[in-house]
Amino acid sequence: MPAEPAVYDHYRLTDGPDAGAVFRVVGVDADGEAGVTLLRVTDTEGNREATGDLRHVALDRLDRAFAPADNPDPRFETPDYLAGLLLVGGIALAVHPAGDRVGGAILAIGGGYLLWRRH
């Protein structure tokens, strides 16, 4: 583990009921020796999660109970973004006065279906 954790470093909890959850360093004490503030960014299986769970952890506990981790993958992958574009583009096409309502509806339904199937 680095001697001094820095903001935006990531750590995985290794013990307790939340073992496996990834936390991001969002604050470091001014003197750098007292501890860090961590924000939980995943559930115990590594899926992104907006928890708002802040924890103040002493450096000795950080050494014992946490291991360095990579930044978790983004919540949405490229196919999700493309499906979202189909959905939004289809709605925009369907509601535009000069747009094609049937074509827009097909795009919107297709994008919604792809998002539904992936999640």
Protein backbone atom coordinates (compact mmCIF):
# COMPACT_ATOMS: atom_id res chain seq x y z
CA MET A 1 0.00 0.00 0.00
CA PRO A 2 1.35 3.49 -0.73
CA ALA A 3 2.77 5.31 2.28
CA GLU A 4 0.30 8.16 1.91
CA PRO A 5 -3.15 7.58 0.40
CA ALA A 6 -4.23 10.29 -2.02
CA VAL A 7 -7.63 11.57 -3.06
CA TYR A 8 -9.15 9.32 -5.77
CA ASP A 9 -7.22 6.20 -4.69
CA HIS A 10 -9.46 3.13 -4.41
CA TYR A 11 -9.49 0.45 -1.70
CA ARG A 12 -11.40 -2.82 -1.30
CA LEU A 13 -12.64 -3.75 2.17
CA THR A 14 -11.27 -7.18 3.10
CA ASP A 15 -13.15 -7.99 6.31
CA GLY A 16 -16.55 -7.53 7.91
CA PRO A 17 -20.08 -7.66 6.48
CA ASP A 18 -19.19 -5.25 3.66
CA ALA A 19 -16.11 -7.21 2.54
CA GLY A 20 -15.60 -6.81 -1.20
CA ALA A 21 -17.01 -3.29 -1.41
CA VAL A 22 -14.78 -0.70 -3.08
CA PHE A 23 -14.22 2.72 -1.53
CA ARG A 24 -12.74 5.90 -3.04
CA VAL A 25 -10.56 8.24 -0.99
CA VAL A 26 -12.39 11.58 -0.91
CA GLY A 27 -10.43 13.24 1.87
CA VAL A 28 -7.07 13.02 3.59
CA ASP A 29 -6.37 14.61 6.97
CA ALA A 30 -4.24 17.74 6.70
CA ASP A 31 -1.26 16.18 8.44
CA GLY A 32 -1.66 12.99 6.40
CA GLU A 33 -1.13 10.79 9.46
CA ALA A 34 -4.51 10.67 11.22
CA GLY A 35 -6.62 9.02 8.55
CA VAL A 36 -8.72 9.29 5.42
CA THR A 37 -12.35 9.75 4.46
CA LEU A 38 -13.70 7.03 2.17
CA LEU A 39 -16.82 6.99 -0.01
CA ARG A 40 -18.32 3.61 -0.83
CA VAL A 41 -18.71 3.30 -4.62
CA THR A 42 -19.69 -0.37 -5.10
CA ASP A 43 -21.67 -3.11 -3.43
CA THR A 44 -19.93 -6.23 -2.14
CA GLU A 45 -19.96 -7.79 -5.62
CA GLY A 46 -18.25 -4.84 -7.31
CA ASN A 47 -21.33 -3.30 -8.97
CA ARG A 48 -21.36 0.50 -8.97
CA GLU A 49 -23.67 1.93 -6.37
CA ALA A 50 -24.45 5.50 -5.28
CA THR A 51 -24.52 4.96 -1.52
CA GLY A 52 -23.46 8.22 0.07
CA ASP A 53 -21.77 5.96 2.66
CA LEU A 54 -18.85 7.98 4.06
CA ARG A 55 -16.39 6.41 6.47
CA HIS A 56 -13.56 8.02 8.41
CA VAL A 57 -10.77 5.45 8.68
CA ALA A 58 -7.50 5.66 10.60
CA LEU A 59 -4.38 4.78 8.60
CA ASP A 60 -3.63 1.70 10.72
CA ARG A 61 -7.13 0.34 10.02
CA LEU A 62 -6.69 1.20 6.33
CA ASP A 63 -3.55 -0.97 6.34
CA ARG A 64 -5.28 -3.86 8.14
CA ALA A 65 -8.79 -3.93 6.67
CA PHE A 66 -8.39 -2.58 3.14
CA ALA A 67 -6.41 -3.54 0.05
CA PRO A 68 -5.64 -1.27 -2.93
CA ALA A 69 -8.18 -1.69 -5.74
CA ASP A 70 -8.67 -0.52 -9.30
CA ASN A 71 -11.26 2.09 -10.16
CA PRO A 72 -14.49 0.10 -10.71
CA ASP A 73 -15.78 -0.20 -14.25
CA PRO A 74 -18.32 2.37 -15.36
CA ARG A 75 -21.90 1.42 -14.68
CA PHE A 76 -22.88 1.53 -18.34
CA GLU A 77 -20.89 -0.04 -21.14
CA THR A 78 -20.80 1.05 -24.79
CA PRO A 79 -23.86 -1.03 -25.83
CA ASP A 80 -25.84 0.66 -23.06
CA TYR A 81 -24.91 4.11 -24.36
CA LEU A 82 -25.85 3.11 -27.91
CA ALA A 83 -29.20 1.74 -26.78
CA GLY A 84 -29.79 4.97 -24.85
CA LEU A 85 -29.03 6.98 -27.97
CA LEU A 86 -31.54 4.91 -29.93
CA LEU A 87 -34.14 5.52 -27.25
CA VAL A 88 -33.58 9.28 -27.03
CA GLY A 89 -33.15 9.67 -30.80
CA GLY A 90 -36.34 7.75 -31.45
CA ILE A 91 -38.32 9.90 -29.05
CA ALA A 92 -36.87 13.07 -30.59
CA LEU A 93 -37.76 11.85 -34.08
CA ALA A 94 -41.29 10.86 -33.06
CA VAL A 95 -42.17 14.16 -31.36
CA HIS A 96 -40.54 16.49 -33.90
CA PRO A 97 -43.18 18.15 -36.13
CA ALA A 98 -41.34 17.14 -39.30
CA GLY A 99 -40.29 13.78 -37.88
CA ASP A 100 -41.52 10.31 -38.68
CA ARG A 101 -43.68 9.08 -35.80
CA VAL A 102 -43.53 5.41 -36.78
CA GLY A 103 -39.76 5.42 -37.36
CA GLY A 104 -39.21 7.29 -34.11
CA ALA A 105 -41.41 4.87 -32.21
CA ILE A 106 -39.51 1.89 -33.65
CA LEU A 107 -36.15 3.40 -32.62
CA ALA A 108 -37.42 4.29 -29.15
CA ILE A 109 -38.92 0.85 -28.57
CA GLY A 110 -35.76 -0.83 -29.89
CA GLY A 111 -33.53 1.23 -27.60
CA GLY A 112 -35.77 0.59 -24.61
CA TYR A 113 -35.83 -3.13 -25.35
CA LEU A 114 -32.03 -3.31 -25.61
CA LEU A 115 -31.62 -1.51 -22.28
CA TRP A 116 -34.21 -3.77 -20.66
CA ARG A 117 -32.51 -6.95 -21.96
CA ARG A 118 -29.07 -5.85 -20.74
CA HIS A 119 -30.21 -5.03 -17.22
